[in-house]
N, C-alpha and C. Protein backbone atom coordinates (compact mmCIF):
# COMPACT_ATOMS: atom_id res chain seq x y z
N MET A 1 30.91 -92.92 -117.86
CA MET A 1 31.38 -92.36 -116.57
C MET A 1 30.33 -91.39 -116.09
N THR A 2 30.13 -91.49 -114.79
CA THR A 2 29.08 -90.64 -114.19
C THR A 2 29.72 -89.54 -113.37
N TRP A 3 29.32 -88.20 -113.62
CA TRP A 3 29.83 -87.01 -112.87
C TRP A 3 28.82 -86.59 -111.81
N HIS A 4 29.44 -86.36 -110.64
CA HIS A 4 28.58 -85.90 -109.50
C HIS A 4 28.92 -84.47 -109.20
N THR A 5 27.92 -83.66 -109.07
CA THR A 5 28.11 -82.23 -108.76
C THR A 5 27.73 -81.98 -107.32
N SER A 6 28.64 -81.34 -106.59
CA SER A 6 28.37 -81.03 -105.16
C SER A 6 28.31 -79.53 -104.93
N LEU A 7 27.44 -79.09 -104.13
CA LEU A 7 27.28 -77.68 -103.80
C LEU A 7 28.01 -77.36 -102.51
N VAL A 8 28.82 -76.29 -102.62
CA VAL A 8 29.56 -75.85 -101.42
C VAL A 8 28.79 -74.69 -100.77
N THR A 9 28.41 -74.82 -99.58
CA THR A 9 27.59 -73.80 -98.89
C THR A 9 28.40 -73.11 -97.82
N ASP A 10 28.10 -71.80 -97.61
CA ASP A 10 28.76 -70.98 -96.56
C ASP A 10 28.19 -71.33 -95.23
N PRO A 11 29.05 -71.72 -94.32
CA PRO A 11 28.52 -72.11 -93.01
C PRO A 11 27.89 -70.96 -92.23
N THR A 12 28.18 -69.69 -92.65
CA THR A 12 27.62 -68.55 -91.88
C THR A 12 26.21 -68.29 -92.33
N PRO A 13 25.28 -68.31 -91.37
CA PRO A 13 23.87 -68.10 -91.77
C PRO A 13 23.63 -66.66 -92.15
N PRO A 14 22.74 -66.40 -93.07
CA PRO A 14 22.43 -65.02 -93.49
C PRO A 14 21.82 -64.23 -92.34
N PRO A 15 22.06 -62.96 -92.41
CA PRO A 15 21.48 -62.15 -91.30
C PRO A 15 19.98 -62.19 -91.31
N ALA A 16 19.49 -62.22 -90.13
CA ALA A 16 18.03 -62.29 -89.99
C ALA A 16 17.44 -60.95 -90.34
N THR A 17 16.35 -60.96 -91.01
CA THR A 17 15.63 -59.75 -91.38
C THR A 17 14.45 -59.57 -90.46
N SER A 18 14.12 -58.27 -90.19
CA SER A 18 13.01 -57.96 -89.28
C SER A 18 12.10 -56.97 -89.96
N SER A 19 10.89 -57.01 -89.60
CA SER A 19 9.91 -56.08 -90.16
C SER A 19 9.90 -54.76 -89.41
N PHE A 20 10.61 -54.62 -88.25
CA PHE A 20 10.65 -53.36 -87.47
C PHE A 20 11.79 -52.50 -87.95
N PRO A 21 11.61 -51.15 -87.91
CA PRO A 21 12.68 -50.25 -88.36
C PRO A 21 13.84 -50.25 -87.38
N THR A 22 14.97 -49.93 -87.91
CA THR A 22 16.18 -49.89 -87.07
C THR A 22 16.06 -48.75 -86.05
N PRO A 23 16.25 -49.06 -84.73
CA PRO A 23 16.11 -48.00 -83.71
C PRO A 23 17.20 -46.94 -83.87
N LEU A 24 16.80 -45.67 -83.59
CA LEU A 24 17.73 -44.54 -83.67
C LEU A 24 18.54 -44.45 -82.40
N ILE A 25 19.77 -44.03 -82.57
CA ILE A 25 20.63 -43.86 -81.40
C ILE A 25 20.32 -42.51 -80.76
N GLU A 26 20.00 -42.48 -79.46
CA GLU A 26 19.62 -41.26 -78.76
C GLU A 26 20.87 -40.43 -78.43
N THR A 27 20.82 -39.19 -78.86
CA THR A 27 21.93 -38.27 -78.59
C THR A 27 21.41 -37.04 -77.87
N THR A 28 22.31 -36.37 -77.14
CA THR A 28 21.96 -35.14 -76.39
C THR A 28 22.49 -33.94 -77.15
N SER A 29 21.57 -33.04 -77.56
CA SER A 29 21.98 -31.84 -78.30
C SER A 29 22.52 -30.81 -77.32
N PRO A 30 23.58 -30.12 -77.68
CA PRO A 30 24.10 -29.07 -76.77
C PRO A 30 23.13 -27.91 -76.65
N ALA A 31 23.06 -27.29 -75.43
CA ALA A 31 22.16 -26.16 -75.20
C ALA A 31 22.60 -24.97 -76.02
N PRO A 32 21.64 -24.23 -76.58
CA PRO A 32 22.01 -23.06 -77.39
C PRO A 32 22.71 -22.02 -76.52
N GLN A 33 23.73 -21.44 -77.04
CA GLN A 33 24.52 -20.45 -76.32
C GLN A 33 24.10 -19.05 -76.72
N THR A 34 24.07 -18.18 -75.69
CA THR A 34 23.73 -16.78 -75.95
C THR A 34 24.89 -16.11 -76.66
N PRO A 35 24.61 -15.37 -77.71
CA PRO A 35 25.71 -14.72 -78.43
C PRO A 35 26.50 -13.81 -77.50
N SER A 36 27.80 -13.68 -77.76
CA SER A 36 28.68 -12.85 -76.94
C SER A 36 28.18 -11.41 -76.93
N GLY A 37 28.19 -10.76 -75.71
CA GLY A 37 27.77 -9.37 -75.60
C GLY A 37 26.33 -9.23 -75.18
N THR A 38 25.53 -10.30 -75.25
CA THR A 38 24.11 -10.21 -74.85
C THR A 38 23.79 -11.21 -73.75
N GLN A 39 24.81 -11.82 -73.17
CA GLN A 39 24.57 -12.79 -72.12
C GLN A 39 23.94 -12.11 -70.92
N GLY A 40 22.84 -12.61 -70.40
CA GLY A 40 22.10 -11.97 -69.33
C GLY A 40 22.74 -12.18 -67.97
N ALA A 41 22.43 -11.26 -67.04
CA ALA A 41 22.88 -11.38 -65.65
C ALA A 41 21.70 -11.05 -64.77
N GLU A 42 21.59 -11.79 -63.67
CA GLU A 42 20.45 -11.59 -62.79
C GLU A 42 20.81 -10.60 -61.70
N LEU A 43 19.94 -9.56 -61.53
CA LEU A 43 20.15 -8.52 -60.54
C LEU A 43 18.80 -8.08 -60.02
N PHE A 44 18.66 -8.09 -58.67
CA PHE A 44 17.38 -7.74 -58.03
C PHE A 44 16.24 -8.63 -58.53
N GLY A 45 16.58 -9.89 -58.82
CA GLY A 45 15.54 -10.81 -59.25
C GLY A 45 15.14 -10.67 -60.70
N LEU A 46 15.82 -9.77 -61.44
CA LEU A 46 15.50 -9.56 -62.85
C LEU A 46 16.72 -9.89 -63.69
N GLU A 47 16.45 -10.33 -64.90
CA GLU A 47 17.54 -10.65 -65.81
C GLU A 47 17.88 -9.42 -66.65
N TRP A 48 19.12 -9.03 -66.62
CA TRP A 48 19.57 -7.83 -67.32
C TRP A 48 20.54 -8.25 -68.42
N ASN A 49 20.34 -7.67 -69.60
CA ASN A 49 21.32 -7.90 -70.65
C ASN A 49 22.21 -6.66 -70.79
N GLY A 50 23.13 -6.70 -71.69
CA GLY A 50 24.10 -5.62 -71.83
C GLY A 50 23.47 -4.29 -72.15
N SER A 51 22.48 -4.26 -73.02
CA SER A 51 21.84 -3.00 -73.41
C SER A 51 21.12 -2.36 -72.24
N ALA A 52 20.46 -3.18 -71.43
CA ALA A 52 19.73 -2.63 -70.27
C ALA A 52 20.70 -2.05 -69.26
N LEU A 53 21.82 -2.72 -69.04
CA LEU A 53 22.80 -2.20 -68.10
C LEU A 53 23.39 -0.88 -68.57
N VAL A 54 23.67 -0.78 -69.87
CA VAL A 54 24.20 0.47 -70.43
C VAL A 54 23.19 1.60 -70.24
N ALA A 55 21.89 1.31 -70.45
CA ALA A 55 20.86 2.32 -70.31
C ALA A 55 20.75 2.80 -68.87
N VAL A 56 20.86 1.85 -67.91
CA VAL A 56 20.78 2.22 -66.50
C VAL A 56 21.97 3.09 -66.10
N VAL A 57 23.15 2.72 -66.55
CA VAL A 57 24.35 3.51 -66.24
C VAL A 57 24.23 4.91 -66.83
N ALA A 58 23.72 5.01 -68.06
CA ALA A 58 23.55 6.32 -68.69
C ALA A 58 22.56 7.18 -67.92
N LEU A 59 21.47 6.57 -67.42
CA LEU A 59 20.49 7.31 -66.63
C LEU A 59 21.11 7.80 -65.33
N ALA A 60 21.90 6.95 -64.67
CA ALA A 60 22.55 7.36 -63.43
C ALA A 60 23.50 8.53 -63.66
N VAL A 61 24.25 8.47 -64.76
CA VAL A 61 25.18 9.56 -65.08
C VAL A 61 24.41 10.85 -65.35
N ALA A 62 23.27 10.76 -66.06
CA ALA A 62 22.47 11.94 -66.36
C ALA A 62 21.91 12.57 -65.08
N LEU A 63 21.43 11.73 -64.14
CA LEU A 63 20.90 12.25 -62.88
C LEU A 63 22.00 12.91 -62.06
N ALA A 64 23.18 12.30 -62.04
CA ALA A 64 24.29 12.90 -61.30
C ALA A 64 24.70 14.23 -61.91
N SER A 65 24.68 14.31 -63.23
CA SER A 65 25.03 15.57 -63.90
C SER A 65 24.01 16.65 -63.59
N LEU A 66 22.71 16.27 -63.56
CA LEU A 66 21.66 17.23 -63.24
C LEU A 66 21.81 17.75 -61.81
N LEU A 67 22.11 16.86 -60.87
CA LEU A 67 22.30 17.27 -59.48
C LEU A 67 23.50 18.20 -59.35
N TYR A 68 24.57 17.89 -60.05
CA TYR A 68 25.77 18.74 -60.01
C TYR A 68 25.48 20.12 -60.61
N ALA A 69 24.69 20.13 -61.69
CA ALA A 69 24.35 21.41 -62.33
C ALA A 69 23.52 22.28 -61.39
N LYS A 70 22.59 21.67 -60.65
CA LYS A 70 21.76 22.43 -59.72
C LYS A 70 22.62 23.02 -58.59
N LYS A 71 23.55 22.22 -58.07
CA LYS A 71 24.42 22.72 -57.01
C LYS A 71 25.30 23.85 -57.52
N SER A 72 25.80 23.70 -58.75
CA SER A 72 26.65 24.74 -59.32
C SER A 72 25.87 26.03 -59.52
N TYR A 73 24.60 25.90 -59.95
CA TYR A 73 23.77 27.09 -60.15
C TYR A 73 23.50 27.79 -58.83
N ALA A 74 23.19 27.01 -57.79
CA ALA A 74 22.93 27.60 -56.47
C ALA A 74 24.17 28.32 -55.94
N LEU A 75 25.34 27.72 -56.14
CA LEU A 75 26.58 28.35 -55.68
C LEU A 75 26.86 29.64 -56.46
N ALA A 76 26.64 29.59 -57.79
CA ALA A 76 26.87 30.79 -58.61
C ALA A 76 25.91 31.91 -58.23
N LYS A 77 24.65 31.54 -57.93
CA LYS A 77 23.67 32.54 -57.53
C LYS A 77 24.05 33.19 -56.20
N THR A 78 24.53 32.37 -55.25
CA THR A 78 24.96 32.90 -53.96
C THR A 78 26.14 33.85 -54.12
N GLN A 79 27.09 33.45 -54.97
CA GLN A 79 28.25 34.30 -55.21
C GLN A 79 27.86 35.61 -55.89
N GLU A 80 26.88 35.54 -56.80
CA GLU A 80 26.43 36.75 -57.48
C GLU A 80 25.73 37.69 -56.50
N GLU A 81 24.93 37.11 -55.58
CA GLU A 81 24.27 37.93 -54.57
C GLU A 81 25.30 38.59 -53.65
N ARG A 82 26.39 37.89 -53.38
CA ARG A 82 27.44 38.47 -52.55
C ARG A 82 28.11 39.66 -53.24
N ARG A 83 28.07 39.67 -54.58
CA ARG A 83 28.70 40.76 -55.31
C ARG A 83 27.79 41.98 -55.44
N GLU A 84 26.49 41.83 -55.12
CA GLU A 84 25.56 42.94 -55.19
C GLU A 84 25.46 43.63 -53.83
N ALA A 85 25.68 44.95 -53.83
CA ALA A 85 25.59 45.71 -52.58
C ALA A 85 24.19 45.60 -51.98
N ARG A 86 24.11 45.55 -50.66
CA ARG A 86 22.83 45.38 -49.98
C ARG A 86 22.66 46.44 -48.91
N VAL A 87 21.39 46.67 -48.53
CA VAL A 87 21.04 47.57 -47.43
C VAL A 87 20.10 46.78 -46.52
N ASP A 88 20.60 46.40 -45.35
CA ASP A 88 19.80 45.64 -44.39
C ASP A 88 19.66 46.46 -43.11
N PRO A 89 18.50 47.13 -42.92
CA PRO A 89 18.32 47.99 -41.74
C PRO A 89 17.71 47.22 -40.56
N TYR A 90 18.17 47.54 -39.37
CA TYR A 90 17.64 46.95 -38.14
C TYR A 90 17.34 48.10 -37.16
N LEU A 91 16.09 48.20 -36.74
CA LEU A 91 15.68 49.27 -35.84
C LEU A 91 16.05 48.92 -34.40
N ASP A 92 16.86 49.78 -33.79
CA ASP A 92 17.28 49.55 -32.41
C ASP A 92 16.39 50.28 -31.41
N LYS A 93 15.92 51.49 -31.79
CA LYS A 93 15.15 52.30 -30.86
C LYS A 93 14.38 53.36 -31.63
N SER A 94 13.25 53.78 -31.09
CA SER A 94 12.49 54.88 -31.67
C SER A 94 12.01 55.79 -30.55
N ALA A 95 11.87 57.07 -30.87
CA ALA A 95 11.44 58.06 -29.86
C ALA A 95 10.72 59.19 -30.57
N ILE A 96 9.86 59.89 -29.83
CA ILE A 96 9.16 61.05 -30.38
C ILE A 96 9.17 62.18 -29.35
N TRP A 97 9.35 63.40 -29.82
CA TRP A 97 9.40 64.56 -28.91
C TRP A 97 8.95 65.81 -29.66
N GLU A 98 8.62 66.81 -28.90
CA GLU A 98 8.09 68.06 -29.44
C GLU A 98 9.24 69.02 -29.77
N SER A 99 9.09 69.74 -30.88
CA SER A 99 10.11 70.73 -31.25
C SER A 99 10.05 71.91 -30.27
N PRO A 100 11.16 72.64 -30.13
CA PRO A 100 11.16 73.77 -29.18
C PRO A 100 10.07 74.80 -29.45
N ASP A 101 9.74 75.03 -30.71
CA ASP A 101 8.69 76.03 -31.01
C ASP A 101 7.30 75.42 -31.04
N LYS A 102 7.21 74.12 -30.73
CA LYS A 102 5.93 73.40 -30.64
C LYS A 102 5.15 73.40 -31.98
N SER A 103 5.84 73.62 -33.07
CA SER A 103 5.16 73.60 -34.37
C SER A 103 5.18 72.22 -35.03
N SER A 104 5.93 71.32 -34.46
CA SER A 104 6.06 69.99 -35.07
C SER A 104 6.46 68.96 -34.03
N MET A 105 6.37 67.71 -34.43
CA MET A 105 6.83 66.58 -33.62
C MET A 105 7.99 65.92 -34.36
N TRP A 106 9.01 65.58 -33.60
CA TRP A 106 10.14 64.87 -34.18
C TRP A 106 10.01 63.38 -33.88
N LEU A 107 10.20 62.54 -34.92
CA LEU A 107 10.27 61.09 -34.72
C LEU A 107 11.71 60.68 -34.99
N GLY A 108 12.35 60.10 -33.99
CA GLY A 108 13.72 59.65 -34.13
C GLY A 108 13.80 58.13 -34.18
N THR A 109 14.61 57.61 -35.08
CA THR A 109 14.80 56.16 -35.22
C THR A 109 16.30 55.87 -35.21
N LEU A 110 16.71 55.01 -34.31
CA LEU A 110 18.11 54.61 -34.22
C LEU A 110 18.27 53.29 -34.98
N PHE A 111 19.04 53.33 -36.07
CA PHE A 111 19.19 52.16 -36.94
C PHE A 111 20.62 51.64 -36.95
N THR A 112 20.73 50.33 -37.07
CA THR A 112 21.97 49.66 -37.45
C THR A 112 21.76 49.14 -38.87
N ILE A 113 22.61 49.56 -39.79
CA ILE A 113 22.45 49.19 -41.21
C ILE A 113 23.67 48.42 -41.67
N GLU A 114 23.45 47.26 -42.24
CA GLU A 114 24.54 46.39 -42.68
C GLU A 114 24.55 46.25 -44.20
N ASN A 115 25.75 46.06 -44.73
CA ASN A 115 25.93 45.75 -46.14
C ASN A 115 26.63 44.39 -46.21
N GLN A 116 25.84 43.32 -46.26
CA GLN A 116 26.38 41.96 -46.24
C GLN A 116 26.73 41.50 -47.66
N SER A 117 27.66 42.20 -48.27
CA SER A 117 28.09 41.84 -49.62
C SER A 117 29.55 42.20 -49.78
N ASP A 118 30.13 41.79 -50.90
CA ASP A 118 31.54 42.04 -51.16
C ASP A 118 31.75 43.29 -52.00
N ARG A 119 30.75 44.13 -52.11
CA ARG A 119 30.86 45.34 -52.92
C ARG A 119 30.33 46.53 -52.12
N ASP A 120 31.00 47.67 -52.26
CA ASP A 120 30.54 48.88 -51.57
C ASP A 120 29.17 49.31 -52.09
N GLY A 121 28.39 49.92 -51.21
CA GLY A 121 27.08 50.44 -51.58
C GLY A 121 26.85 51.78 -50.90
N SER A 122 25.63 52.26 -50.97
CA SER A 122 25.31 53.54 -50.33
C SER A 122 23.81 53.68 -50.17
N ILE A 123 23.42 54.61 -49.30
CA ILE A 123 22.02 54.98 -49.12
C ILE A 123 21.85 56.37 -49.72
N SER A 124 21.00 56.47 -50.71
CA SER A 124 20.79 57.77 -51.37
C SER A 124 19.58 58.51 -50.83
N ARG A 125 18.67 57.78 -50.16
CA ARG A 125 17.47 58.44 -49.63
C ARG A 125 16.91 57.63 -48.47
N ALA A 126 16.38 58.34 -47.48
CA ALA A 126 15.69 57.70 -46.35
C ALA A 126 14.44 58.52 -46.05
N GLU A 127 13.29 57.87 -46.08
CA GLU A 127 12.01 58.57 -45.88
C GLU A 127 11.15 57.82 -44.88
N LEU A 128 10.43 58.60 -44.08
CA LEU A 128 9.44 58.03 -43.18
C LEU A 128 8.11 57.97 -43.94
N ILE A 129 7.51 56.79 -43.98
CA ILE A 129 6.23 56.59 -44.66
C ILE A 129 5.15 56.43 -43.59
N ILE A 130 4.20 57.37 -43.57
CA ILE A 130 3.11 57.33 -42.60
C ILE A 130 1.81 56.99 -43.33
N SER A 131 1.17 55.93 -42.88
CA SER A 131 -0.12 55.52 -43.47
C SER A 131 -1.25 56.02 -42.58
N TYR A 132 -2.25 56.62 -43.22
CA TYR A 132 -3.40 57.15 -42.46
C TYR A 132 -4.60 57.22 -43.40
N GLN A 133 -5.74 57.54 -42.86
CA GLN A 133 -6.95 57.70 -43.65
C GLN A 133 -7.25 59.19 -43.82
N SER A 134 -7.59 59.55 -45.04
CA SER A 134 -7.96 60.94 -45.30
C SER A 134 -9.35 61.23 -44.72
N GLU A 135 -9.77 62.48 -44.82
CA GLU A 135 -11.09 62.85 -44.29
C GLU A 135 -12.21 62.09 -44.98
N SER A 136 -11.99 61.69 -46.22
CA SER A 136 -13.01 60.93 -46.94
C SER A 136 -12.94 59.43 -46.64
N GLY A 137 -11.93 59.04 -45.86
CA GLY A 137 -11.80 57.62 -45.50
C GLY A 137 -10.90 56.84 -46.43
N ALA A 138 -10.28 57.48 -47.41
CA ALA A 138 -9.42 56.78 -48.36
C ALA A 138 -8.04 56.56 -47.75
N PRO A 139 -7.42 55.39 -47.97
CA PRO A 139 -6.05 55.14 -47.48
C PRO A 139 -5.07 56.11 -48.14
N THR A 140 -4.25 56.76 -47.35
CA THR A 140 -3.33 57.78 -47.85
C THR A 140 -1.98 57.62 -47.15
N THR A 141 -0.94 58.11 -47.79
CA THR A 141 0.39 58.05 -47.18
C THR A 141 1.04 59.43 -47.22
N LEU A 142 1.87 59.69 -46.23
CA LEU A 142 2.66 60.92 -46.17
C LEU A 142 4.13 60.52 -46.11
N ARG A 143 4.94 61.15 -46.97
CA ARG A 143 6.38 60.89 -47.00
C ARG A 143 7.11 62.07 -46.36
N VAL A 144 8.00 61.73 -45.42
CA VAL A 144 8.78 62.77 -44.73
C VAL A 144 10.25 62.42 -44.89
N HIS A 145 11.03 63.37 -45.43
CA HIS A 145 12.46 63.14 -45.62
C HIS A 145 13.21 63.27 -44.30
N HIS A 146 14.33 62.57 -44.23
CA HIS A 146 15.20 62.66 -43.06
C HIS A 146 15.90 64.01 -43.01
N SER A 147 15.94 64.59 -41.83
CA SER A 147 16.71 65.82 -41.60
C SER A 147 17.11 65.82 -40.13
N PRO A 148 18.36 66.24 -39.82
CA PRO A 148 18.80 66.24 -38.41
C PRO A 148 17.91 67.12 -37.55
N SER A 149 17.69 66.69 -36.34
CA SER A 149 16.81 67.43 -35.42
C SER A 149 17.53 68.59 -34.75
N VAL A 150 18.82 68.70 -34.94
CA VAL A 150 19.59 69.83 -34.39
C VAL A 150 20.39 70.47 -35.51
N THR A 151 20.95 71.62 -35.23
CA THR A 151 21.72 72.34 -36.25
C THR A 151 22.97 71.54 -36.63
N ALA A 152 23.47 71.82 -37.82
CA ALA A 152 24.60 71.06 -38.34
C ALA A 152 25.83 71.14 -37.45
N ASP A 153 26.03 72.28 -36.81
CA ASP A 153 27.22 72.44 -35.96
C ASP A 153 27.16 71.55 -34.73
N ASP A 154 25.95 71.32 -34.25
CA ASP A 154 25.80 70.51 -33.03
C ASP A 154 25.47 69.05 -33.31
N ALA A 155 25.24 68.72 -34.56
CA ALA A 155 24.77 67.37 -34.90
C ALA A 155 25.85 66.33 -34.63
N LYS A 156 25.45 65.26 -34.02
CA LYS A 156 26.35 64.12 -33.82
C LYS A 156 25.49 62.85 -33.69
N GLY A 157 26.04 61.78 -34.16
CA GLY A 157 25.34 60.50 -34.06
C GLY A 157 24.26 60.30 -35.10
N PHE A 158 24.20 61.18 -36.12
CA PHE A 158 23.19 61.01 -37.17
C PHE A 158 23.78 60.26 -38.36
N ILE A 159 22.91 59.57 -39.07
CA ILE A 159 23.30 58.98 -40.35
C ILE A 159 23.14 60.04 -41.42
N GLU A 160 24.22 60.32 -42.11
CA GLU A 160 24.16 61.30 -43.19
C GLU A 160 23.59 60.64 -44.45
N VAL A 161 22.69 61.33 -45.08
CA VAL A 161 22.09 60.83 -46.33
C VAL A 161 22.39 61.83 -47.43
N PRO A 162 23.10 61.43 -48.50
CA PRO A 162 23.56 60.07 -48.79
C PRO A 162 24.65 59.59 -47.82
N GLU A 163 24.71 58.28 -47.64
CA GLU A 163 25.67 57.65 -46.74
C GLU A 163 26.28 56.44 -47.45
N ARG A 164 27.61 56.36 -47.39
CA ARG A 164 28.30 55.24 -48.03
C ARG A 164 28.29 54.02 -47.11
N LEU A 165 28.12 52.84 -47.73
CA LEU A 165 28.17 51.57 -47.00
C LEU A 165 29.33 50.75 -47.58
N LEU A 166 30.34 50.52 -46.77
CA LEU A 166 31.48 49.73 -47.23
C LEU A 166 31.10 48.25 -47.34
N ALA A 167 31.83 47.53 -48.18
CA ALA A 167 31.59 46.09 -48.34
C ALA A 167 31.74 45.39 -46.99
N ASN A 168 30.75 44.56 -46.66
CA ASN A 168 30.73 43.83 -45.39
C ASN A 168 30.88 44.78 -44.19
N GLY A 169 30.33 45.98 -44.35
CA GLY A 169 30.44 46.99 -43.30
C GLY A 169 29.11 47.25 -42.61
N THR A 170 29.18 48.02 -41.51
CA THR A 170 28.01 48.36 -40.70
C THR A 170 28.11 49.81 -40.25
N ILE A 171 26.98 50.50 -40.28
CA ILE A 171 26.90 51.85 -39.72
C ILE A 171 25.75 51.88 -38.72
N LYS A 172 25.83 52.81 -37.79
CA LYS A 172 24.78 52.96 -36.79
C LYS A 172 24.60 54.44 -36.49
N GLY A 173 23.34 54.86 -36.42
CA GLY A 173 23.07 56.26 -36.13
C GLY A 173 21.59 56.56 -36.18
N TRP A 174 21.27 57.81 -35.90
CA TRP A 174 19.88 58.26 -35.86
C TRP A 174 19.43 58.78 -37.22
N LEU A 175 18.18 58.50 -37.53
CA LEU A 175 17.45 59.14 -38.62
C LEU A 175 16.26 59.84 -37.98
N THR A 176 16.11 61.16 -38.21
CA THR A 176 15.03 61.92 -37.58
C THR A 176 14.14 62.55 -38.64
N PHE A 177 12.84 62.62 -38.33
CA PHE A 177 11.84 63.09 -39.29
C PHE A 177 10.93 64.09 -38.60
N LYS A 178 10.75 65.24 -39.25
CA LYS A 178 9.95 66.33 -38.69
C LYS A 178 8.52 66.25 -39.23
N ILE A 179 7.55 66.00 -38.31
CA ILE A 179 6.14 65.83 -38.69
C ILE A 179 5.37 67.09 -38.25
N PRO A 180 4.66 67.74 -39.15
CA PRO A 180 3.88 68.94 -38.76
C PRO A 180 2.90 68.62 -37.64
N MET A 181 2.82 69.51 -36.66
CA MET A 181 1.95 69.27 -35.51
C MET A 181 0.49 69.15 -35.93
N ALA A 182 0.06 69.97 -36.91
CA ALA A 182 -1.33 69.90 -37.36
C ALA A 182 -1.67 68.52 -37.91
N PHE A 183 -0.72 67.93 -38.62
CA PHE A 183 -0.94 66.59 -39.16
C PHE A 183 -0.92 65.55 -38.03
N TYR A 184 0.06 65.64 -37.16
CA TYR A 184 0.23 64.63 -36.12
C TYR A 184 -0.98 64.58 -35.17
N SER A 185 -1.50 65.76 -34.81
CA SER A 185 -2.60 65.81 -33.85
C SER A 185 -3.96 65.66 -34.52
N GLY A 186 -4.02 65.82 -35.84
CA GLY A 186 -5.32 65.79 -36.51
C GLY A 186 -5.58 64.56 -37.35
N ARG A 187 -4.69 63.58 -37.31
CA ARG A 187 -4.85 62.38 -38.13
C ARG A 187 -4.77 61.13 -37.25
N SER A 188 -5.46 60.12 -37.69
CA SER A 188 -5.37 58.81 -37.03
C SER A 188 -4.34 57.99 -37.80
N ILE A 189 -3.16 57.89 -37.23
CA ILE A 189 -2.06 57.20 -37.92
C ILE A 189 -2.24 55.69 -37.78
N GLU A 190 -2.18 54.98 -38.92
CA GLU A 190 -2.38 53.53 -38.93
C GLU A 190 -1.07 52.75 -38.94
N GLY A 191 -0.03 53.36 -39.42
CA GLY A 191 1.25 52.63 -39.46
C GLY A 191 2.37 53.52 -39.95
N MET A 192 3.62 53.17 -39.57
CA MET A 192 4.79 53.92 -40.00
C MET A 192 5.94 52.95 -40.24
N HIS A 193 6.77 53.29 -41.22
CA HIS A 193 8.01 52.57 -41.45
C HIS A 193 8.96 53.48 -42.21
N VAL A 194 10.25 53.13 -42.21
CA VAL A 194 11.26 53.90 -42.93
C VAL A 194 11.61 53.17 -44.21
N GLU A 195 11.70 53.92 -45.29
CA GLU A 195 12.03 53.34 -46.60
C GLU A 195 13.41 53.85 -47.03
N PHE A 196 14.29 52.92 -47.34
CA PHE A 196 15.64 53.25 -47.79
C PHE A 196 15.74 52.98 -49.30
N ARG A 197 16.54 53.81 -49.96
CA ARG A 197 16.73 53.67 -51.40
C ARG A 197 18.21 53.84 -51.72
N ASP A 198 18.72 52.98 -52.65
CA ASP A 198 20.11 53.11 -53.04
C ASP A 198 20.19 53.66 -54.47
N PRO A 199 21.38 54.02 -54.97
CA PRO A 199 21.49 54.63 -56.30
C PRO A 199 20.98 53.75 -57.45
N ARG A 200 20.90 52.44 -57.22
CA ARG A 200 20.39 51.56 -58.28
C ARG A 200 18.87 51.58 -58.37
N GLY A 201 18.22 52.25 -57.40
CA GLY A 201 16.77 52.28 -57.39
C GLY A 201 16.15 51.19 -56.55
N VAL A 202 16.99 50.40 -55.86
CA VAL A 202 16.48 49.33 -55.01
C VAL A 202 15.94 49.94 -53.72
N THR A 203 14.72 49.54 -53.34
CA THR A 203 14.06 50.07 -52.15
C THR A 203 13.96 48.98 -51.09
N VAL A 204 14.32 49.35 -49.86
CA VAL A 204 14.24 48.43 -48.73
C VAL A 204 13.41 49.09 -47.63
N LYS A 205 12.48 48.34 -47.08
CA LYS A 205 11.62 48.86 -46.02
C LYS A 205 12.02 48.28 -44.67
N SER A 206 11.98 49.13 -43.66
CA SER A 206 12.21 48.64 -42.30
C SER A 206 10.94 47.98 -41.78
N GLY A 207 11.03 47.43 -40.60
CA GLY A 207 9.83 46.90 -39.98
C GLY A 207 8.91 48.02 -39.52
N ASP A 208 7.69 47.66 -39.16
CA ASP A 208 6.74 48.67 -38.69
C ASP A 208 7.25 49.34 -37.41
N ILE A 209 6.97 50.63 -37.32
CA ILE A 209 7.38 51.42 -36.16
C ILE A 209 6.14 51.83 -35.39
N SER A 210 6.04 51.39 -34.17
CA SER A 210 4.91 51.80 -33.33
C SER A 210 5.20 53.18 -32.75
N ILE A 211 4.14 53.93 -32.48
CA ILE A 211 4.31 55.29 -31.92
C ILE A 211 4.83 55.16 -30.49
N PRO A 212 6.05 55.61 -30.27
CA PRO A 212 6.63 55.43 -28.93
C PRO A 212 6.11 56.46 -27.93
N ARG A 213 6.50 56.27 -26.69
CA ARG A 213 6.15 57.23 -25.63
C ARG A 213 6.90 58.54 -25.88
N GLN A 214 6.20 59.65 -25.67
CA GLN A 214 6.80 60.94 -25.95
C GLN A 214 7.90 61.28 -24.95
N GLU A 215 9.03 61.73 -25.50
CA GLU A 215 10.17 62.12 -24.67
C GLU A 215 10.07 63.61 -24.31
N ILE A 216 10.74 63.97 -23.23
CA ILE A 216 10.75 65.39 -22.81
C ILE A 216 11.68 66.21 -23.65
N SER A 217 12.81 65.63 -24.05
CA SER A 217 13.80 66.35 -24.82
C SER A 217 14.34 65.45 -25.93
N ASP A 218 15.18 66.02 -26.76
CA ASP A 218 15.75 65.31 -27.90
C ASP A 218 16.72 64.22 -27.40
N PRO A 219 16.37 62.94 -27.59
CA PRO A 219 17.23 61.86 -27.09
C PRO A 219 18.44 61.58 -27.97
N THR A 220 18.50 62.20 -29.15
CA THR A 220 19.61 61.93 -30.05
C THR A 220 20.92 62.52 -29.53
N GLN A 221 20.84 63.49 -28.64
CA GLN A 221 22.05 64.17 -28.16
C GLN A 221 22.38 63.81 -26.70
N THR A 222 21.75 62.75 -26.20
CA THR A 222 22.04 62.36 -24.82
C THR A 222 23.00 61.18 -24.79
């Protein structure tokens, strides 16, 4: 007896092999994200992150605080000046006349004096300062104290020295100074002004006083 052997084959053909590598599948990677708290923002054409914005805000706060401090200092300084008594003299009129015995010349100055502060003050001294040149040509000054040009019983309209100045108050009156005739006629006077002094030692000068036209009589009592 003869045996026949038959081969059974799979009808599906084997997969074809290629010498080229298997192509990769193209994928899109997600864009990297900025960590929370540092995400930038665009302002004035520039990109700002959180730290930069915090620094700018801190600088603005510091500048505002500095401006406020300056305003507060200026206000405190103004208030402090208002608490300090002041002497502000304003010359209204000046006159000069001869004494009855012709031994001297009287210089009269009519002043309005203000105390533009919230505290009382006073005038402790008032002197006429005369600038002139000595015989050697050196600059020299003569100080003349205030004294009424008439007797105390007849005196009126004079500023008494010492004189009290009330807070935010004003006084007005004459200050008169007796100049020796020998000095007045024998010196070339270069300038004159009145110097006021208060008990604190603060000195205030009036404006320059020009030599006025000579009066016939004492104008303080007219």
